[in-house]
Amino acid sequence: MSFTPKPNPDIRVRDYKIGCIGAGMIMAECHLAAYAEAGFPVAAIASRTKSKAEEVAKRWDIPTVHDTPEDLLADSEIEILDIAYPPSLQPALIRAALAQPHIKGILAQKPLALSLEEARALRDEAKAAGKSLSVNQNMRFDQSMQVLKQLLDGGILGEPVFAQIDMHAIPHWQGFLADYDRLTLSNMSVHHLDALRFLFGDPSEVTSLTRTDPRTEFDHMDGIVVTTLRFPSGLMALSLEDVWSGPRQEGYEDDQHIHWRVECTKGVARGTIGWPTGQASTLEFASTDETGGKWQSPGWETMWFPHAFIGVMEQLQYAIHTGSTPALNVADNVRTMALVEAAYQSIEHGRTVRLDLSND
């Protein structure tokens, strides 16, 4: 086999001091764990609760804890702002950071904002300010997604015909999501829909169905979601987010999982996303040309959480260093948000929606 997989990106730049806003699970367990492993310099942290920020700072040896996020934004040492905050509060932080001359780049969470219109406005404001605004679509740096992209781009599998991501797993819904009217599509499906865009480009049609999740106690419009996509090439793709996945009381044998499969004209790739079980993702593929139709299984020890977050921050640092556009740039993310919005429109109107990205 001549194909050499590269599951983890190179670290090309470690030069910029990072200021972190937020001290919850995603920051403490993913962002900061990844940055420590990669050697990215974290200079300061702040959160809504200073004591929580102090606890996280002590754990990760962060030298400065600011009283408020606003104080951190004013810290002239900070060159990259890393946000892990609720989407209703994130736009104000982004706008404040865009006004600070010492801040060269911003890493925002997904969803970027609560509406497509505000996401577009943030995109335009970042462009006008000349700042790099990147959105943390970290599933693109899951190791199986990276290797799958390499197989597709190398033509090893041929032309894509059918793809699916099949999730039966229970997310950790943050408490603030109870205040919003949208749930799974905006906060879980967005990973899968963005990954499908990463792999195959923009779809032309989207159809979504949903029902409520019996486990989620707060009111929500979209619980279990099934979305089908059609691409201009004819490729069809399915994204399923079964956030119920069956009862989970004591004694019930847990079978949570995420599987994916891509069928092409010269081969097939299939694998798992290891997040639900805390394991490394997997990939195996068979190609009529590359492997003689035999299955090959490249392996790695890194995982989506936390190691994918190394690639997310590295691509922003590299973009700032070279004056280039981040791989996870805000303009591209607006197109993912437009896809999510089209899926919600499909649910609301009970029909297939044509995806028009001409304005994005």
Protein backbone atom coordinates (compact mmCIF):
# COMPACT_ATOMS: atom_id res chain seq x y z
CA MET A 1 0.00 0.00 0.00
CA SER A 2 1.54 3.33 -1.07
CA PHE A 3 -0.97 5.55 0.76
CA THR A 4 0.52 7.05 3.93
CA PRO A 5 -2.15 8.46 6.25
CA LYS A 6 -1.54 11.62 8.23
CA PRO A 7 -4.10 11.68 11.05
CA ASN A 8 -2.64 14.67 12.90
CA PRO A 9 -1.53 18.00 11.41
CA ASP A 10 1.96 19.39 11.78
CA ILE A 11 2.48 22.12 14.37
CA ARG A 12 4.05 24.91 12.35
CA VAL A 13 3.58 27.89 14.70
CA ARG A 14 3.55 28.32 18.48
CA ASP A 15 4.25 32.06 18.58
CA TYR A 16 1.10 33.82 19.78
CA LYS A 17 -0.09 34.38 23.34
CA ILE A 18 -3.60 33.07 23.92
CA GLY A 19 -6.24 34.56 26.21
CA CYS A 20 -9.10 32.23 27.12
CA ILE A 21 -12.63 33.34 27.99
CA GLY A 22 -14.63 30.55 29.63
CA ALA A 23 -13.73 27.92 32.20
CA GLY A 24 -16.27 25.17 31.57
CA MET A 25 -15.79 21.60 30.43
CA ILE A 26 -14.90 22.31 26.80
CA MET A 27 -12.19 24.81 27.79
CA ALA A 28 -10.80 22.91 30.76
CA GLU A 29 -10.88 19.41 29.27
CA CYS A 30 -10.31 20.03 25.55
CA HIS A 31 -8.84 23.42 24.62
CA LEU A 32 -6.32 23.68 27.44
CA ALA A 33 -5.39 20.00 27.41
CA ALA A 34 -4.61 20.29 23.70
CA TYR A 35 -2.67 23.53 24.09
CA ALA A 36 -0.55 22.09 26.89
CA GLU A 37 0.35 19.07 24.77
CA ALA A 38 1.15 21.22 21.74
CA GLY A 39 3.12 23.84 23.65
CA PHE A 40 0.84 26.76 22.76
CA PRO A 41 1.37 29.67 25.19
CA VAL A 42 -1.74 30.50 27.23
CA ALA A 43 -1.19 33.85 28.93
CA ALA A 44 -4.48 34.55 30.70
CA ILE A 45 -8.00 33.33 31.44
CA ALA A 46 -11.29 34.88 32.56
CA SER A 47 -14.83 33.67 33.01
CA ARG A 48 -18.17 34.75 34.42
CA THR A 49 -17.08 33.25 37.75
CA LYS A 50 -13.56 34.25 38.75
CA SER A 51 -13.16 31.40 41.22
CA LYS A 52 -13.82 28.89 38.44
CA ALA A 53 -11.26 30.61 36.24
CA GLU A 54 -8.75 30.51 39.11
CA GLU A 55 -9.32 26.77 39.53
CA VAL A 56 -8.72 26.10 35.84
CA ALA A 57 -5.69 28.43 35.77
CA LYS A 58 -4.10 26.55 38.63
CA ARG A 59 -4.65 23.22 36.90
CA TRP A 60 -3.06 24.36 33.64
CA ASP A 61 -0.44 26.79 35.00
CA ILE A 62 -1.98 29.87 33.39
CA PRO A 63 -0.14 32.89 34.86
CA THR A 64 -2.92 35.52 34.86
CA VAL A 65 -6.57 35.37 35.91
CA HIS A 66 -8.58 38.47 35.05
CA ASP A 67 -11.60 39.60 37.03
CA THR A 68 -13.83 39.82 33.95
CA PRO A 69 -13.74 38.94 30.26
CA GLU A 70 -13.59 42.66 29.53
CA ASP A 71 -10.39 42.95 31.57
CA LEU A 72 -8.85 40.11 29.59
CA LEU A 73 -9.78 41.78 26.30
CA ALA A 74 -7.92 44.90 27.43
CA ASP A 75 -4.76 42.93 28.30
CA SER A 76 -2.16 44.04 25.74
CA GLU A 77 -0.30 40.72 26.12
CA ILE A 78 -3.14 38.81 24.46
CA GLU A 79 -2.71 38.15 20.72
CA ILE A 80 -5.34 35.42 20.16
CA LEU A 81 -8.71 35.39 21.89
CA ASP A 82 -10.09 31.89 22.51
CA ILE A 83 -13.81 31.92 23.41
CA ALA A 84 -15.81 29.11 25.04
CA TYR A 85 -19.01 30.96 25.92
CA PRO A 86 -22.73 30.64 25.18
CA PRO A 87 -23.62 31.73 21.63
CA SER A 88 -25.95 34.45 22.90
CA LEU A 89 -22.97 36.13 24.60
CA GLN A 90 -20.29 35.38 22.04
CA PRO A 91 -21.01 38.07 19.41
CA ALA A 92 -20.45 40.92 21.89
CA LEU A 93 -17.08 39.44 22.87
CA ILE A 94 -16.07 39.05 19.23
CA ARG A 95 -16.98 42.65 18.46
CA ALA A 96 -15.06 43.91 21.49
CA ALA A 97 -12.03 41.86 20.43
CA LEU A 98 -12.17 43.22 16.89
CA ALA A 99 -11.75 46.70 18.35
CA GLN A 100 -8.58 45.79 20.28
CA PRO A 101 -5.42 46.51 18.24
CA HIS A 102 -3.32 43.92 20.07
CA ILE A 103 -5.68 41.02 19.27
CA LYS A 104 -4.66 39.49 15.94
CA GLY A 105 -7.10 36.60 15.78
CA ILE A 106 -10.20 35.13 17.39
CA LEU A 107 -11.26 31.50 17.83
CA ALA A 108 -15.03 31.37 18.36
CA GLN A 109 -17.27 28.45 19.24
CA LYS A 110 -19.97 26.99 17.07
CA PRO A 111 -22.64 28.03 16.59
CA LEU A 112 -21.06 31.39 15.88
CA ALA A 113 -24.32 33.20 16.73
CA LEU A 114 -28.01 32.45 17.25
CA SER A 115 -28.98 33.56 13.74
CA LEU A 116 -27.56 33.34 10.26
CA GLU A 117 -27.99 37.09 9.88
CA GLU A 118 -25.78 37.86 12.87
CA ALA A 119 -23.18 35.34 11.71
CA ARG A 120 -23.01 37.12 8.38
CA ALA A 121 -22.64 40.46 10.17
CA LEU A 122 -19.74 39.12 12.27
CA ARG A 123 -18.07 37.79 9.12
CA ASP A 124 -18.30 41.22 7.48
CA GLU A 125 -17.14 43.07 10.60
CA ALA A 126 -14.09 40.82 10.97
CA LYS A 127 -13.19 41.41 7.32
CA ALA A 128 -13.54 45.17 7.76
CA ALA A 129 -11.33 45.05 10.86
CA GLY A 130 -8.68 43.00 9.04
CA LYS A 131 -8.74 40.34 11.76
CA SER A 132 -8.72 36.54 11.46
CA LEU A 133 -11.98 35.14 12.84
CA SER A 134 -12.02 31.35 13.00
CA VAL A 135 -14.81 29.02 14.17
CA ASN A 136 -14.11 25.88 16.18
CA GLN A 137 -15.53 23.20 13.85
CA ASN A 138 -13.21 20.69 15.49
CA MET A 139 -14.66 17.52 13.95
CA ARG A 140 -12.73 18.40 10.78
CA PHE A 141 -9.59 17.59 12.78
CA ASP A 142 -10.90 14.26 14.05
CA GLN A 143 -8.25 11.82 12.91
CA SER A 144 -10.62 9.64 10.87
CA MET A 145 -12.01 12.70 9.09
CA GLN A 146 -8.49 13.92 8.25
CA VAL A 147 -7.47 10.57 6.76
CA LEU A 148 -10.79 10.17 4.93
CA LYS A 149 -10.27 13.61 3.35
CA GLN A 150 -6.79 12.53 2.23
CA LEU A 151 -8.22 9.38 0.62
CA LEU A 152 -10.89 11.38 -1.20
CA ASP A 153 -8.55 14.15 -2.35
CA GLY A 154 -6.03 11.57 -3.56
CA GLY A 155 -8.63 9.89 -5.77
CA ILE A 156 -7.96 6.56 -4.05
CA LEU A 157 -11.67 5.84 -3.59
CA GLY A 158 -12.90 7.35 -6.85
CA GLU A 159 -16.00 9.53 -7.12
CA PRO A 160 -18.28 9.64 -4.05
CA VAL A 161 -21.70 8.03 -4.52
CA PHE A 162 -23.19 7.75 -1.00
CA ALA A 163 -22.13 8.85 2.48
CA GLN A 164 -23.58 8.64 5.96
CA ILE A 165 -22.86 9.57 9.56
CA ASP A 166 -24.91 7.46 11.95
CA MET A 167 -24.93 8.66 15.57
CA HIS A 168 -26.63 6.92 18.49
CA ALA A 169 -25.17 8.76 21.48
CA ILE A 170 -26.15 11.14 24.26
CA PRO A 171 -24.56 14.60 24.15
CA HIS A 172 -23.83 16.65 27.23
CA TRP A 173 -26.27 19.52 26.71
CA GLN A 174 -24.94 22.65 28.42
CA GLY A 175 -27.43 24.29 30.77
CA PHE A 176 -27.69 27.48 28.73
CA LEU A 177 -29.23 25.55 25.82
CA ALA A 178 -32.50 25.34 27.77
CA ASP A 179 -32.91 29.06 27.06
CA TYR A 180 -32.88 28.63 23.27
CA ASP A 181 -35.53 27.26 20.92
CA ARG A 182 -33.09 25.20 18.86
CA LEU A 183 -31.13 22.19 20.08
CA THR A 184 -29.71 19.27 18.10
CA LEU A 185 -29.25 20.76 14.65
CA SER A 186 -27.45 23.83 15.98
CA ASN A 187 -25.33 22.07 18.57
CA MET A 188 -24.73 18.47 17.44
CA SER A 189 -25.79 18.00 13.81
CA VAL A 190 -23.67 21.03 12.95
CA HIS A 191 -20.55 18.89 13.53
CA HIS A 192 -21.70 16.28 11.04
CA LEU A 193 -23.09 18.70 8.45
CA ASP A 194 -19.88 20.71 8.58
CA ALA A 195 -17.80 17.54 8.22
CA LEU A 196 -19.82 16.56 5.15
CA ARG A 197 -19.16 20.01 3.66
CA PHE A 198 -15.46 19.59 4.49
CA LEU A 199 -15.37 16.27 2.67
CA PHE A 200 -17.63 16.96 -0.31
CA GLY A 201 -18.30 20.68 -0.70
CA ASP A 202 -21.64 22.45 -0.58
CA PRO A 203 -24.85 20.45 -1.06
CA SER A 204 -27.63 21.72 -3.29
CA GLU A 205 -30.61 20.27 -1.40
CA VAL A 206 -31.41 19.47 2.23
CA THR A 207 -34.32 17.59 3.79
CA SER A 208 -34.67 17.21 7.56
CA LEU A 209 -37.09 15.46 9.89
CA THR A 210 -37.16 15.61 13.67
CA ARG A 211 -38.97 14.55 16.82
CA THR A 212 -38.43 15.43 20.46
CA ASP A 213 -36.01 13.47 22.61
CA PRO A 214 -37.73 11.75 25.59
CA ARG A 215 -34.66 12.24 27.80
CA THR A 216 -34.27 16.01 27.37
CA GLU A 217 -36.44 17.63 30.03
CA PHE A 218 -36.49 21.23 28.78
CA ASP A 219 -38.62 22.33 25.84
CA HIS A 220 -36.96 21.84 22.47
CA MET A 221 -37.98 21.80 18.83
CA ASP A 222 -35.38 19.41 17.43
CA GLY A 223 -34.31 16.32 19.39
CA ILE A 224 -33.68 13.27 17.18
CA VAL A 225 -32.81 14.55 13.69
CA VAL A 226 -32.47 12.84 10.32
CA THR A 227 -31.07 14.97 7.47
CA THR A 228 -30.48 13.97 3.86
CA LEU A 229 -28.31 16.00 1.52
CA ARG A 230 -28.00 15.98 -2.26
CA PHE A 231 -24.86 17.37 -3.87
CA PRO A 232 -24.47 18.78 -7.41
CA SER A 233 -22.45 15.68 -8.41
CA GLY A 234 -25.39 13.42 -7.53
CA LEU A 235 -23.84 12.29 -4.26
CA MET A 236 -26.40 11.59 -1.55
CA ALA A 237 -25.54 11.85 2.15
CA LEU A 238 -27.36 11.01 5.36
CA SER A 239 -26.73 12.57 8.77
CA LEU A 240 -28.52 10.95 11.71
CA GLU A 241 -28.36 12.30 15.28
CA ASP A 242 -30.20 9.92 17.61
CA VAL A 243 -29.60 11.70 20.90
CA TRP A 244 -32.04 9.35 22.64
CA SER A 245 -30.29 6.07 21.67
CA GLY A 246 -32.46 4.06 24.04
CA PRO A 247 -32.92 3.85 27.82
CA ARG A 248 -29.82 4.25 29.96
CA GLN A 249 -30.88 3.33 33.50
CA GLU A 250 -28.61 1.29 35.79
CA GLY A 251 -28.04 -2.20 34.47
CA TYR A 252 -28.84 -1.35 30.85
CA GLU A 253 -25.94 -2.34 28.61
CA ASP A 254 -24.63 0.76 26.89
CA ASP A 255 -24.19 0.61 23.11
CA GLN A 256 -23.67 4.29 22.26
CA HIS A 257 -21.70 4.80 19.05
CA ILE A 258 -21.08 6.91 15.97
CA HIS A 259 -20.38 5.13 12.69
CA TRP A 260 -19.70 6.60 9.28
CA ARG A 261 -19.43 5.17 5.77
CA VAL A 262 -18.47 6.58 2.36
CA GLU A 263 -19.09 4.58 -0.83
CA CYS A 264 -17.28 5.61 -4.03
CA THR A 265 -16.77 4.31 -7.55
CA LYS A 266 -13.37 2.72 -6.74
CA GLY A 267 -13.73 1.84 -3.07
CA VAL A 268 -15.34 2.22 0.31
CA ALA A 269 -14.18 3.77 3.56
CA ARG A 270 -15.89 3.20 6.90
CA GLY A 271 -15.11 3.97 10.49
CA THR A 272 -16.14 5.14 13.91
CA ILE A 273 -15.99 8.39 15.84
CA GLY A 274 -14.61 7.55 19.28
CA TRP A 275 -16.15 10.43 21.24
CA PRO A 276 -19.05 8.50 22.91
CA THR A 277 -16.71 5.88 24.40
CA GLY A 278 -13.60 8.01 24.97
CA GLN A 279 -11.56 6.07 22.44
CA ALA A 280 -9.65 6.89 19.27
CA SER A 281 -11.70 7.13 16.10
CA THR A 282 -11.10 4.43 13.51
CA LEU A 283 -10.97 4.08 9.73
CA GLU A 284 -10.64 1.20 7.29
CA PHE A 285 -10.83 1.29 3.54
CA ALA A 286 -10.73 -0.91 0.48
CA SER A 287 -9.83 0.35 -2.99
CA THR A 288 -9.83 -1.46 -6.30
CA ASP A 289 -6.67 0.42 -7.30
CA GLU A 290 -4.76 1.04 -4.07
CA THR A 291 -5.38 -2.14 -2.07
CA GLY A 292 -6.59 -4.65 -4.66
CA GLY A 293 -9.97 -4.66 -2.96
CA LYS A 294 -8.51 -5.72 0.40
CA TRP A 295 -9.36 -3.83 3.58
CA GLN A 296 -6.62 -1.73 5.17
CA SER A 297 -6.83 -0.26 8.67
CA PRO A 298 -4.40 2.57 9.47
CA GLY A 299 -4.30 3.35 13.17
CA TRP A 300 -3.35 6.14 15.59
CA GLU A 301 -3.46 6.81 19.32
CA THR A 302 -4.77 10.38 19.31
CA MET A 303 -8.47 11.17 19.73
CA TRP A 304 -11.05 13.76 18.66
CA PHE A 305 -11.26 15.06 22.24
CA PRO A 306 -8.85 16.66 23.06
CA HIS A 307 -6.27 16.23 20.27
CA ALA A 308 -8.35 17.71 17.42
CA PHE A 309 -8.20 21.04 19.25
CA ILE A 310 -4.47 21.20 18.52
CA GLY A 311 -5.23 21.46 14.82
CA VAL A 312 -7.95 24.02 15.42
CA MET A 313 -5.65 26.45 17.24
CA GLU A 314 -2.64 25.68 15.03
CA GLN A 315 -4.47 26.58 11.82
CA LEU A 316 -5.34 29.99 13.29
CA GLN A 317 -1.80 30.65 14.49
CA TYR A 318 -0.44 29.66 11.09
CA ALA A 319 -2.89 31.94 9.30
CA ILE A 320 -1.87 34.90 11.45
CA HIS A 321 1.82 34.09 10.98
CA THR A 322 1.56 33.87 7.18
CA GLY A 323 -1.15 36.45 6.57
CA SER A 324 -3.32 33.76 4.99
CA THR A 325 -6.95 32.77 5.52
CA PRO A 326 -7.59 30.28 8.36
CA ALA A 327 -8.68 26.83 7.24
CA LEU A 328 -11.63 27.20 9.63
CA ASN A 329 -12.47 30.70 8.47
CA VAL A 330 -15.65 32.55 9.35
CA ALA A 331 -16.80 32.90 5.73
CA ASP A 332 -16.77 29.13 5.32
CA ASN A 333 -18.54 28.68 8.64
CA VAL A 334 -21.33 31.01 7.54
CA ARG A 335 -21.99 28.51 4.75
CA THR A 336 -22.30 25.74 7.34
CA MET A 337 -24.71 27.93 9.30
CA ALA A 338 -26.69 28.51 6.09
CA LEU A 339 -26.96 24.72 5.70
CA VAL A 340 -28.20 24.38 9.29
CA GLU A 341 -30.73 27.16 8.70
CA ALA A 342 -31.96 25.42 5.54
CA ALA A 343 -32.42 22.22 7.59
CA TYR A 344 -34.57 24.12 10.08
CA GLN A 345 -36.59 25.57 7.21
CA SER A 346 -37.08 22.04 5.87
CA ILE A 347 -38.46 20.94 9.25
CA GLU A 348 -40.71 23.98 9.54
CA HIS A 349 -42.21 23.66 6.07
CA GLY A 350 -42.12 19.87 5.73
CA ARG A 351 -40.30 19.83 2.40
CA THR A 352 -36.94 19.70 0.67
CA VAL A 353 -35.13 23.05 0.62
CA ARG A 354 -32.83 24.16 -2.18
CA LEU A 355 -29.63 25.56 -0.73
CA ASP A 356 -28.69 28.91 -2.27
CA LEU A 357 -25.27 30.11 -1.12
CA SER A 358 -24.91 32.81 -3.75
CA ASN A 359 -25.05 35.52 -1.04
CA ASP A 360 -22.39 33.80 1.08
